[in-house]
């Protein structure tokens, strides 16, 4: 997914360009909200499966260490994705608010 320009780049944008960027971000999130939510649900499902596997009496120490490593990777992925989607919407909005001051 292409990343948004840094906030400093927004400083050079006209008010019309900022409004357009905000509108595009809103449309993107609105059109893709179901898929985004489904992806988060799937990742959360994986977290639940891993925590269940950790509880198993059959799990060895090595198994549990692997599960913890996978939990960390998935949790980091969830955090990064949430931050990226938040930035898609907040970048143009924050830049517009700062510019309008």
PDB file of N, CA and C in Angstrom:
ATOM      1  N   UNK A   1       0.851  -1.166   0.000  1.00  0.00           N
ATOM      2  CA  UNK A   1       0.000   0.000   0.000  1.00  0.00           C
ATOM      3  C   UNK A   1       0.896   1.228   0.000  1.00  0.00           C
ATOM      4  N   UNK A   2       0.666   2.207  -0.907  1.00  0.00           N
ATOM      5  CA  UNK A   2       1.497   3.401  -0.912  1.00  0.00           C
ATOM      6  C   UNK A   2       1.257   4.209   0.352  1.00  0.00           C
ATOM      7  N   UNK A   3       2.335   4.797   0.842  1.00  0.00           N
ATOM      8  CA  UNK A   3       2.198   5.583   2.061  1.00  0.00           C
ATOM      9  C   UNK A   3       1.889   7.030   1.709  1.00  0.00           C
ATOM     10  N   UNK A   4       1.269   7.704   2.658  1.00  0.00           N
ATOM     11  CA  UNK A   4       0.963   9.107   2.485  1.00  0.00           C
ATOM     12  C   UNK A   4       2.221   9.929   2.659  1.00  0.00           C
ATOM     13  N   UNK A   5       2.266  11.099   2.052  1.00  0.00           N
ATOM     14  CA  UNK A   5       3.410  11.969   2.268  1.00  0.00           C
ATOM     15  C   UNK A   5       3.524  12.351   3.740  1.00  0.00           C
ATOM     16  N   UNK A   6       4.728  12.703   4.145  1.00  0.00           N
ATOM     17  CA  UNK A   6       4.938  13.161   5.512  1.00  0.00           C
ATOM     18  C   UNK A   6       4.177  14.464   5.719  1.00  0.00           C
ATOM     19  N   UNK A   7       3.916  14.814   7.000  1.00  0.00           N
ATOM     20  CA  UNK A   7       3.183  16.036   7.304  1.00  0.00           C
ATOM     21  C   UNK A   7       3.853  17.262   6.697  1.00  0.00           C
ATOM     22  N   UNK A   8       5.192  17.269   6.669  1.00  0.00           N
ATOM     23  CA  UNK A   8       5.874  18.431   6.105  1.00  0.00           C
ATOM     24  C   UNK A   8       5.503  18.639   4.637  1.00  0.00           C
ATOM     25  N   UNK A   9       5.249  17.560   3.909  1.00  0.00           N
ATOM     26  CA  UNK A   9       4.825  17.679   2.515  1.00  0.00           C
ATOM     27  C   UNK A   9       3.448  18.330   2.417  1.00  0.00           C
ATOM     28  N   UNK A  10       2.583  18.069   3.391  1.00  0.00           N
ATOM     29  CA  UNK A  10       1.249  18.656   3.383  1.00  0.00           C
ATOM     30  C   UNK A  10       1.296  20.174   3.507  1.00  0.00           C
ATOM     31  N   UNK A  11       2.368  20.706   4.085  1.00  0.00           N
ATOM     32  CA  UNK A  11       2.480  22.158   4.262  1.00  0.00           C
ATOM     33  C   UNK A  11       2.460  22.890   2.931  1.00  0.00           C
ATOM     34  N   UNK A  12       2.899  22.221   1.891  1.00  0.00           N
ATOM     35  CA  UNK A  12       2.947  22.849   0.568  1.00  0.00           C
ATOM     36  C   UNK A  12       1.655  22.667  -0.227  1.00  0.00           C
ATOM     37  N   UNK A  13       0.731  21.932   0.319  1.00  0.00           N
ATOM     38  CA  UNK A  13      -0.511  21.660  -0.389  1.00  0.00           C
ATOM     39  C   UNK A  13      -1.466  22.834  -0.233  1.00  0.00           C
ATOM     40  N   UNK A  14      -2.230  23.069  -1.262  1.00  0.00           N
ATOM     41  CA  UNK A  14      -3.256  24.116  -1.205  1.00  0.00           C
ATOM     42  C   UNK A  14      -4.437  23.617  -0.373  1.00  0.00           C
ATOM     43  N   UNK A  15      -5.280  24.529   0.108  1.00  0.00           N
ATOM     44  CA  UNK A  15      -6.475  24.096   0.835  1.00  0.00           C
ATOM     45  C   UNK A  15      -7.329  23.124   0.008  1.00  0.00           C
ATOM     46  N   UNK A  16      -7.420  23.364  -1.284  1.00  0.00           N
ATOM     47  CA  UNK A  16      -8.197  22.472  -2.146  1.00  0.00           C
ATOM     48  C   UNK A  16      -7.560  21.076  -2.207  1.00  0.00           C
ATOM     49  N   UNK A  17      -6.237  21.009  -2.299  1.00  0.00           N
ATOM     50  CA  UNK A  17      -5.552  19.717  -2.331  1.00  0.00           C
ATOM     51  C   UNK A  17      -5.742  18.969  -1.008  1.00  0.00           C
ATOM     52  N   UNK A  18      -5.720  19.694   0.101  1.00  0.00           N
ATOM     53  CA  UNK A  18      -5.945  19.060   1.399  1.00  0.00           C
ATOM     54  C   UNK A  18      -7.365  18.514   1.513  1.00  0.00           C
ATOM     55  N   UNK A  19      -8.346  19.290   1.040  1.00  0.00           N
ATOM     56  CA  UNK A  19      -9.736  18.807   1.069  1.00  0.00           C
ATOM     57  C   UNK A  19      -9.884  17.559   0.209  1.00  0.00           C
ATOM     58  N   UNK A  20      -9.237  17.569  -0.958  1.00  0.00           N
ATOM     59  CA  UNK A  20      -9.299  16.413  -1.854  1.00  0.00           C
ATOM     60  C   UNK A  20      -8.644  15.190  -1.209  1.00  0.00           C
ATOM     61  N   UNK A  21      -7.489  15.390  -0.577  1.00  0.00           N
ATOM     62  CA  UNK A  21      -6.803  14.277   0.089  1.00  0.00           C
ATOM     63  C   UNK A  21      -7.670  13.713   1.212  1.00  0.00           C
ATOM     64  N   UNK A  22      -8.320  14.590   1.957  1.00  0.00           N
ATOM     65  CA  UNK A  22      -9.191  14.140   3.041  1.00  0.00           C
ATOM     66  C   UNK A  22     -10.386  13.362   2.484  1.00  0.00           C
ATOM     67  N   UNK A  23     -10.952  13.850   1.400  1.00  0.00           N
ATOM     68  CA  UNK A  23     -12.099  13.180   0.773  1.00  0.00           C
ATOM     69  C   UNK A  23     -11.691  11.794   0.249  1.00  0.00           C
ATOM     70  N   UNK A  24     -10.524  11.708  -0.382  1.00  0.00           N
ATOM     71  CA  UNK A  24     -10.040  10.424  -0.906  1.00  0.00           C
ATOM     72  C   UNK A  24      -9.795   9.448   0.244  1.00  0.00           C
ATOM     73  N   UNK A  25      -9.190   9.931   1.339  1.00  0.00           N
ATOM     74  CA  UNK A  25      -8.946   9.067   2.497  1.00  0.00           C
ATOM     75  C   UNK A  25     -10.259   8.557   3.075  1.00  0.00           C
ATOM     76  N   UNK A  26     -11.243   9.446   3.196  1.00  0.00           N
ATOM     77  CA  UNK A  26     -12.548   9.046   3.727  1.00  0.00           C
ATOM     78  C   UNK A  26     -13.203   8.003   2.827  1.00  0.00           C
ATOM     79  N   UNK A  27     -13.142   8.219   1.514  1.00  0.00           N
ATOM     80  CA  UNK A  27     -13.737   7.271   0.568  1.00  0.00           C
ATOM     81  C   UNK A  27     -13.029   5.924   0.628  1.00  0.00           C
ATOM     82  N   UNK A  28     -11.691   5.953   0.689  1.00  0.00           N
ATOM     83  CA  UNK A  28     -10.934   4.705   0.760  1.00  0.00           C
ATOM     84  C   UNK A  28     -11.341   3.893   1.982  1.00  0.00           C
ATOM     85  N   UNK A  29     -11.363   4.545   3.139  1.00  0.00           N
ATOM     86  CA  UNK A  29     -11.710   3.824   4.360  1.00  0.00           C
ATOM     87  C   UNK A  29     -13.155   3.333   4.337  1.00  0.00           C
ATOM     88  N   UNK A  30     -14.052   4.153   3.805  1.00  0.00           N
ATOM     89  CA  UNK A  30     -15.463   3.756   3.732  1.00  0.00           C
ATOM     90  C   UNK A  30     -15.645   2.545   2.815  1.00  0.00           C
ATOM     91  N   UNK A  31     -14.975   2.567   1.666  1.00  0.00           N
ATOM     92  CA  UNK A  31     -15.114   1.482   0.696  1.00  0.00           C
ATOM     93  C   UNK A  31     -14.453   0.190   1.158  1.00  0.00           C
ATOM     94  N   UNK A  32     -13.456   0.292   2.022  1.00  0.00           N
ATOM     95  CA  UNK A  32     -12.670  -0.878   2.398  1.00  0.00           C
ATOM     96  C   UNK A  32     -12.841  -1.307   3.850  1.00  0.00           C
ATOM     97  N   UNK A  33     -13.766  -0.672   4.557  1.00  0.00           N
ATOM     98  CA  UNK A  33     -13.907  -0.945   5.991  1.00  0.00           C
ATOM     99  C   UNK A  33     -14.223  -2.416   6.278  1.00  0.00           C
ATOM    100  N   UNK A  34     -15.035  -3.047   5.477  1.00  0.00           N
ATOM    101  CA  UNK A  34     -15.394  -4.452   5.724  1.00  0.00           C
ATOM    102  C   UNK A  34     -14.164  -5.354   5.584  1.00  0.00           C
ATOM    103  N   UNK A  35     -13.404  -5.158   4.526  1.00  0.00           N
ATOM    104  CA  UNK A  35     -12.198  -5.960   4.324  1.00  0.00           C
ATOM    105  C   UNK A  35     -11.152  -5.710   5.398  1.00  0.00           C
ATOM    106  N   UNK A  36     -11.015  -4.453   5.788  1.00  0.00           N
ATOM    107  CA  UNK A  36     -10.069  -4.101   6.849  1.00  0.00           C
ATOM    108  C   UNK A  36     -10.480  -4.790   8.149  1.00  0.00           C
ATOM    109  N   UNK A  37     -11.749  -4.685   8.494  1.00  0.00           N
ATOM    110  CA  UNK A  37     -12.245  -5.308   9.731  1.00  0.00           C
ATOM    111  C   UNK A  37     -12.094  -6.831   9.672  1.00  0.00           C
ATOM    112  N   UNK A  38     -12.381  -7.427   8.517  1.00  0.00           N
ATOM    113  CA  UNK A  38     -12.234  -8.881   8.373  1.00  0.00           C
ATOM    114  C   UNK A  38     -10.790  -9.316   8.600  1.00  0.00           C
ATOM    115  N   UNK A  39      -9.855  -8.549   8.065  1.00  0.00           N
ATOM    116  CA  UNK A  39      -8.439  -8.872   8.247  1.00  0.00           C
ATOM    117  C   UNK A  39      -8.048  -8.809   9.719  1.00  0.00           C
ATOM    118  N   UNK A  40      -8.531  -7.778  10.425  1.00  0.00           N
ATOM    119  CA  UNK A  40      -8.252  -7.687  11.854  1.00  0.00           C
ATOM    120  C   UNK A  40      -8.899  -8.854  12.604  1.00  0.00           C
ATOM    121  N   UNK A  41     -10.123  -9.206  12.237  1.00  0.00           N
ATOM    122  CA  UNK A  41     -10.796 -10.341  12.869  1.00  0.00           C
ATOM    123  C   UNK A  41     -10.000 -11.630  12.684  1.00  0.00           C
ATOM    124  N   UNK A  42      -9.467 -11.839  11.477  1.00  0.00           N
ATOM    125  CA  UNK A  42      -8.678 -13.048  11.215  1.00  0.00           C
ATOM    126  C   UNK A  42      -7.422 -13.080  12.075  1.00  0.00           C
ATOM    127  N   UNK A  43      -6.757 -11.944  12.180  1.00  0.00           N
ATOM    128  CA  UNK A  43      -5.535 -11.893  12.993  1.00  0.00           C
ATOM    129  C   UNK A  43      -5.860 -12.126  14.472  1.00  0.00           C
ATOM    130  N   UNK A  44      -6.961 -11.557  14.918  1.00  0.00           N
ATOM    131  CA  UNK A  44      -7.369 -11.773  16.311  1.00  0.00           C
ATOM    132  C   UNK A  44      -7.716 -13.239  16.535  1.00  0.00           C
ATOM    133  N   UNK A  45      -8.337 -13.870  15.539  1.00  0.00           N
ATOM    134  CA  UNK A  45      -8.619 -15.303  15.623  1.00  0.00           C
ATOM    135  C   UNK A  45      -7.338 -16.118  15.770  1.00  0.00           C
ATOM    136  N   UNK A  46      -6.303 -15.725  15.039  1.00  0.00           N
ATOM    137  CA  UNK A  46      -5.017 -16.417  15.174  1.00  0.00           C
ATOM    138  C   UNK A  46      -4.443 -16.241  16.578  1.00  0.00           C
ATOM    139  N   UNK A  47      -4.573 -15.036  17.122  1.00  0.00           N
ATOM    140  CA  UNK A  47      -4.104 -14.800  18.493  1.00  0.00           C
ATOM    141  C   UNK A  47      -4.819 -15.726  19.473  1.00  0.00           C
ATOM    142  N   UNK A  48      -6.133 -15.857  19.301  1.00  0.00           N
ATOM    143  CA  UNK A  48      -6.915 -16.722  20.196  1.00  0.00           C
ATOM    144  C   UNK A  48      -6.495 -18.188  20.072  1.00  0.00           C
ATOM    145  N   UNK A  49      -6.260 -18.619  18.839  1.00  0.00           N
ATOM    146  CA  UNK A  49      -5.823 -20.011  18.642  1.00  0.00           C
ATOM    147  C   UNK A  49      -4.473 -20.251  19.300  1.00  0.00           C
ATOM    148  N   UNK A  50      -3.570 -19.300  19.147  1.00  0.00           N
ATOM    149  CA  UNK A  50      -2.244 -19.450  19.750  1.00  0.00           C
ATOM    150  C   UNK A  50      -2.304 -19.470  21.274  1.00  0.00           C
ATOM    151  N   UNK A  51      -3.120 -18.602  21.864  1.00  0.00           N
ATOM    152  CA  UNK A  51      -3.221 -18.604  23.323  1.00  0.00           C
ATOM    153  C   UNK A  51      -3.851 -19.908  23.814  1.00  0.00           C
ATOM    154  N   UNK A  52      -4.773 -20.451  23.034  1.00  0.00           N
ATOM    155  CA  UNK A  52      -5.341 -21.750  23.383  1.00  0.00           C
ATOM    156  C   UNK A  52      -4.305 -22.854  23.309  1.00  0.00           C
ATOM    157  N   UNK A  53      -3.464 -22.807  22.294  1.00  0.00           N
ATOM    158  CA  UNK A  53      -2.410 -23.809  22.152  1.00  0.00           C
ATOM    159  C   UNK A  53      -1.389 -23.693  23.284  1.00  0.00           C
ATOM    160  N   UNK A  54      -1.155 -22.471  23.745  1.00  0.00           N
ATOM    161  CA  UNK A  54      -0.221 -22.283  24.866  1.00  0.00           C
ATOM    162  C   UNK A  54      -0.713 -22.980  26.124  1.00  0.00           C
ATOM    163  N   UNK A  55      -2.033 -22.978  26.299  1.00  0.00           N
ATOM    164  CA  UNK A  55      -2.628 -23.578  27.503  1.00  0.00           C
ATOM    165  C   UNK A  55      -2.582 -25.105  27.499  1.00  0.00           C
ATOM    166  N   UNK A  56      -2.412 -25.666  26.349  1.00  0.00           N
ATOM    167  CA  UNK A  56      -2.450 -27.126  26.224  1.00  0.00           C
ATOM    168  C   UNK A  56      -1.372 -27.781  27.080  1.00  0.00           C
ATOM    169  N   UNK A  57      -1.784 -28.813  27.791  1.00  0.00           N
ATOM    170  CA  UNK A  57      -0.826 -29.568  28.613  1.00  0.00           C
ATOM    171  C   UNK A  57       0.187 -30.296  27.748  1.00  0.00           C
ATOM    172  N   UNK A  58      -0.152 -30.501  26.466  1.00  0.00           N
ATOM    173  CA  UNK A  58       0.758 -31.190  25.551  1.00  0.00           C
ATOM    174  C   UNK A  58       1.846 -30.268  25.001  1.00  0.00           C
ATOM    175  N   UNK A  59       1.692 -28.959  25.202  1.00  0.00           N
ATOM    176  CA  UNK A  59       2.682 -28.006  24.682  1.00  0.00           C
ATOM    177  C   UNK A  59       3.964 -28.076  25.495  1.00  0.00           C
ATOM    178  N   UNK A  60       5.057 -28.139  24.778  1.00  0.00           N
ATOM    179  CA  UNK A  60       6.369 -28.140  25.438  1.00  0.00           C
ATOM    180  C   UNK A  60       6.830 -26.701  25.641  1.00  0.00           C
ATOM    181  N   UNK A  61       7.911 -26.561  26.355  1.00  0.00           N
ATOM    182  CA  UNK A  61       8.499 -25.240  26.550  1.00  0.00           C
ATOM    183  C   UNK A  61       8.827 -24.610  25.193  1.00  0.00           C
ATOM    184  N   UNK A  62       9.427 -25.388  24.291  1.00  0.00           N
ATOM    185  CA  UNK A  62       9.781 -24.880  22.963  1.00  0.00           C
ATOM    186  C   UNK A  62       8.539 -24.450  22.189  1.00  0.00           C
ATOM    187  N   UNK A  63       7.481 -25.257  22.298  1.00  0.00           N
ATOM    188  CA  UNK A  63       6.217 -24.895  21.646  1.00  0.00           C
ATOM    189  C   UNK A  63       5.728 -23.539  22.152  1.00  0.00           C
ATOM    190  N   UNK A  64       5.726 -23.385  23.467  1.00  0.00           N
ATOM    191  CA  UNK A  64       5.221 -22.140  24.055  1.00  0.00           C
ATOM    192  C   UNK A  64       6.084 -20.948  23.660  1.00  0.00           C
ATOM    193  N   UNK A  65       7.379 -21.150  23.571  1.00  0.00           N
ATOM    194  CA  UNK A  65       8.251 -20.057  23.130  1.00  0.00           C
ATOM    195  C   UNK A  65       7.931 -19.676  21.679  1.00  0.00           C
ATOM    196  N   UNK A  66       7.673 -20.680  20.851  1.00  0.00           N
ATOM    197  CA  UNK A  66       7.283 -20.413  19.471  1.00  0.00           C
ATOM    198  C   UNK A  66       5.968 -19.649  19.425  1.00  0.00           C
ATOM    199  N   UNK A  67       4.998 -20.084  20.222  1.00  0.00           N
ATOM    200  CA  UNK A  67       3.697 -19.415  20.254  1.00  0.00           C
ATOM    201  C   UNK A  67       3.848 -17.959  20.695  1.00  0.00           C
ATOM    202  N   UNK A  68       4.698 -17.718  21.691  1.00  0.00           N
ATOM    203  CA  UNK A  68       4.917 -16.340  22.146  1.00  0.00           C
ATOM    204  C   UNK A  68       5.550 -15.494  21.047  1.00  0.00           C
ATOM    205  N   UNK A  69       6.473 -16.086  20.322  1.00  0.00           N
ATOM    206  CA  UNK A  69       7.104 -15.374  19.209  1.00  0.00           C
ATOM    207  C   UNK A  69       6.068 -15.029  18.134  1.00  0.00           C
ATOM    208  N   UNK A  70       5.215 -15.998  17.820  1.00  0.00           N
ATOM    209  CA  UNK A  70       4.163 -15.757  16.824  1.00  0.00           C
ATOM    210  C   UNK A  70       3.153 -14.718  17.321  1.00  0.00           C
ATOM    211  N   UNK A  71       2.819 -14.775  18.605  1.00  0.00           N
ATOM    212  CA  UNK A  71       1.920 -13.769  19.183  1.00  0.00           C
ATOM    213  C   UNK A  71       2.507 -12.372  19.018  1.00  0.00           C
ATOM    214  N   UNK A  72       3.791 -12.250  19.285  1.00  0.00           N
ATOM    215  CA  UNK A  72       4.462 -10.961  19.140  1.00  0.00           C
ATOM    216  C   UNK A  72       4.403 -10.465  17.694  1.00  0.00           C
ATOM    217  N   UNK A  73       4.689 -11.343  16.755  1.00  0.00           N
ATOM    218  CA  UNK A  73       4.667 -10.964  15.339  1.00  0.00           C
ATOM    219  C   UNK A  73       3.271 -10.523  14.901  1.00  0.00           C
ATOM    220  N   UNK A  74       2.273 -11.272  15.287  1.00  0.00           N
ATOM    221  CA  UNK A  74       0.898 -10.946  14.891  1.00  0.00           C
ATOM    222  C   UNK A  74       0.441  -9.655  15.561  1.00  0.00           C
ATOM    223  N   UNK A  75       0.743  -9.502  16.845  1.00  0.00           N
ATOM    224  CA  UNK A  75       0.354  -8.286  17.558  1.00  0.00           C
ATOM    225  C   UNK A  75       1.029  -7.060  16.951  1.00  0.00           C
ATOM    226  N   UNK A  76       2.283  -7.191  16.584  1.00  0.00           N
ATOM    227  CA  UNK A  76       2.996  -6.088  15.931  1.00  0.00           C
ATOM    228  C   UNK A  76       2.355  -5.766  14.592  1.00  0.00           C
ATOM    229  N   UNK A  77       1.996  -6.791  13.858  1.00  0.00           N
ATOM    230  CA  UNK A  77       1.344  -6.606  12.563  1.00  0.00           C
ATOM    231  C   UNK A  77       0.005  -5.876  12.723  1.00  0.00           C
ATOM    232  N   UNK A  78      -0.765  -6.268  13.732  1.00  0.00           N
ATOM    233  CA  UNK A  78      -2.046  -5.609  13.990  1.00  0.00           C
ATOM    234  C   UNK A  78      -1.819  -4.142  14.322  1.00  0.00           C
ATOM    235  N   UNK A  79      -0.862  -3.880  15.187  1.00  0.00           N
ATOM    236  CA  UNK A  79      -0.565  -2.511  15.597  1.00  0.00           C
ATOM    237  C   UNK A  79      -0.127  -1.655  14.411  1.00  0.00           C
ATOM    238  N   UNK A  80       0.764  -2.187  13.599  1.00  0.00           N
ATOM    239  CA  UNK A  80       1.260  -1.437  12.448  1.00  0.00           C
ATOM    240  C   UNK A  80       0.146  -1.171  11.440  1.00  0.00           C
ATOM    241  N   UNK A  81      -0.689  -2.164  11.193  1.00  0.00           N
ATOM    242  CA  UNK A  81      -1.798  -1.977  10.254  1.00  0.00           C
ATOM    243  C   UNK A  81      -2.786  -0.937  10.766  1.00  0.00           C
ATOM    244  N   UNK A  82      -3.120  -1.018  12.040  1.00  0.00           N
ATOM    245  CA  UNK A  82      -4.047  -0.036  12.619  1.00  0.00           C
ATOM    246  C   UNK A  82      -3.470   1.366  12.507  1.00  0.00           C
ATOM    247  N   UNK A  83      -2.181   1.507  12.804  1.00  0.00           N
ATOM    248  CA  UNK A  83      -1.529   2.812  12.716  1.00  0.00           C
ATOM    249  C   UNK A  83      -1.539   3.319  11.266  1.00  0.00           C
ATOM    250  N   UNK A  84      -1.247   2.438  10.312  1.00  0.00           N
ATOM    251  CA  UNK A  84      -1.244   2.835   8.905  1.00  0.00           C
ATOM    252  C   UNK A  84      -2.623   3.303   8.452  1.00  0.00           C
ATOM    253  N   UNK A  85      -3.654   2.548   8.808  1.00  0.00           N
ATOM    254  CA  UNK A  85      -5.008   2.956   8.414  1.00  0.00           C
ATOM    255  C   UNK A  85      -5.416   4.250   9.113  1.00  0.00           C
ATOM    256  N   UNK A  86      -5.022   4.408  10.364  1.00  0.00           N
ATOM    257  CA  UNK A  86      -5.311   5.654  11.071  1.00  0.00           C
ATOM    258  C   UNK A  86      -4.611   6.819  10.379  1.00  0.00           C
ATOM    259  N   UNK A  87      -3.367   6.624   9.988  1.00  0.00           N
ATOM    260  CA  UNK A  87      -2.614   7.697   9.333  1.00  0.00           C
ATOM    261  C   UNK A  87      -3.206   8.088   7.986  1.00  0.00           C
ATOM    262  N   UNK A  88      -3.795   7.115   7.294  1.00  0.00           N
ATOM    263  CA  UNK A  88      -4.439   7.434   6.015  1.00  0.00           C
ATOM    264  C   UNK A  88      -5.500   8.506   6.217  1.00  0.00           C
ATOM    265  N   UNK A  89      -6.290   8.348   7.262  1.00  0.00           N
ATOM    266  CA  UNK A  89      -7.365   9.307   7.517  1.00  0.00           C
ATOM    267  C   UNK A  89      -6.924  10.544   8.259  1.00  0.00           C
ATOM    268  N   UNK A  90      -5.977  10.385   9.178  1.00  0.00           N
ATOM    269  CA  UNK A  90      -5.627  11.523  10.026  1.00  0.00           C
ATOM    270  C   UNK A  90      -4.644  12.478   9.370  1.00  0.00           C
ATOM    271  N   UNK A  91      -3.787  11.986   8.501  1.00  0.00           N
ATOM    272  CA  UNK A  91      -2.773  12.848   7.884  1.00  0.00           C
ATOM    273  C   UNK A  91      -3.356  14.086   7.227  1.00  0.00           C
ATOM    274  N   UNK A  92      -4.212  13.919   6.238  1.00  0.00           N
ATOM    275  CA  UNK A  92      -4.788  15.104   5.588  1.00  0.00           C
ATOM    276  C   UNK A  92      -5.641  15.944   6.541  1.00  0.00           C
ATOM    277  N   UNK A  93      -6.347  15.293   7.447  1.00  0.00           N
ATOM    278  CA  UNK A  93      -7.212  16.039   8.376  1.00  0.00           C
ATOM    279  C   UNK A  93      -6.383  16.906   9.314  1.00  0.00           C
ATOM    280  N   UNK A  94      -5.339  16.331   9.901  1.00  0.00           N
ATOM    281  CA  UNK A  94      -4.491  17.088  10.819  1.00  0.00           C
ATOM    282  C   UNK A  94      -3.798  18.230  10.075  1.00  0.00           C
ATOM    283  N   UNK A  95      -3.283  17.941   8.885  1.00  0.00           N
ATOM    284  CA  UNK A  95      -2.625  18.986   8.102  1.00  0.00           C
ATOM    285  C   UNK A  95      -3.599  20.122   7.791  1.00  0.00           C
ATOM    286  N   UNK A  96      -4.823  19.770   7.471  1.00  0.00           N
ATOM    287  CA  UNK A  96      -5.845  20.791   7.177  1.00  0.00           C
ATOM    288  C   UNK A  96      -6.146  21.620   8.418  1.00  0.00           C
ATOM    289  N   UNK A  97      -6.265  20.977   9.561  1.00  0.00           N
ATOM    290  CA  UNK A  97      -6.542  21.692  10.818  1.00  0.00           C
ATOM    291  C   UNK A  97      -5.394  22.643  11.155  1.00  0.00           C
ATOM    292  N   UNK A  98      -4.171  22.178  11.013  1.00  0.00           N
ATOM    293  CA  UNK A  98      -3.015  23.017  11.312  1.00  0.00           C
ATOM    294  C   UNK A  98      -2.955  24.204  10.358  1.00  0.00           C
ATOM    295  N   UNK A  99      -3.230  23.940   9.113  1.00  0.00           N
ATOM    296  CA  UNK A  99      -3.174  24.984   8.089  1.00  0.00           C
ATOM    297  C   UNK A  99      -4.268  26.032   8.333  1.00  0.00           C
ATOM    298  N   UNK A 100      -5.428  25.613   8.824  1.00  0.00           N
ATOM    299  CA  UNK A 100      -6.557  26.513   9.021  1.00  0.00           C
ATOM    300  C   UNK A 100      -6.401  27.385  10.263  1.00  0.00           C
ATOM    301  N   UNK A 101      -5.397  27.104  11.111  1.00  0.00           N
ATOM    302  CA  UNK A 101      -5.241  27.891  12.336  1.00  0.00           C
ATOM    303  C   UNK A 101      -4.855  29.319  12.036  1.00  0.00           C
TER     304      UNK A 101
END
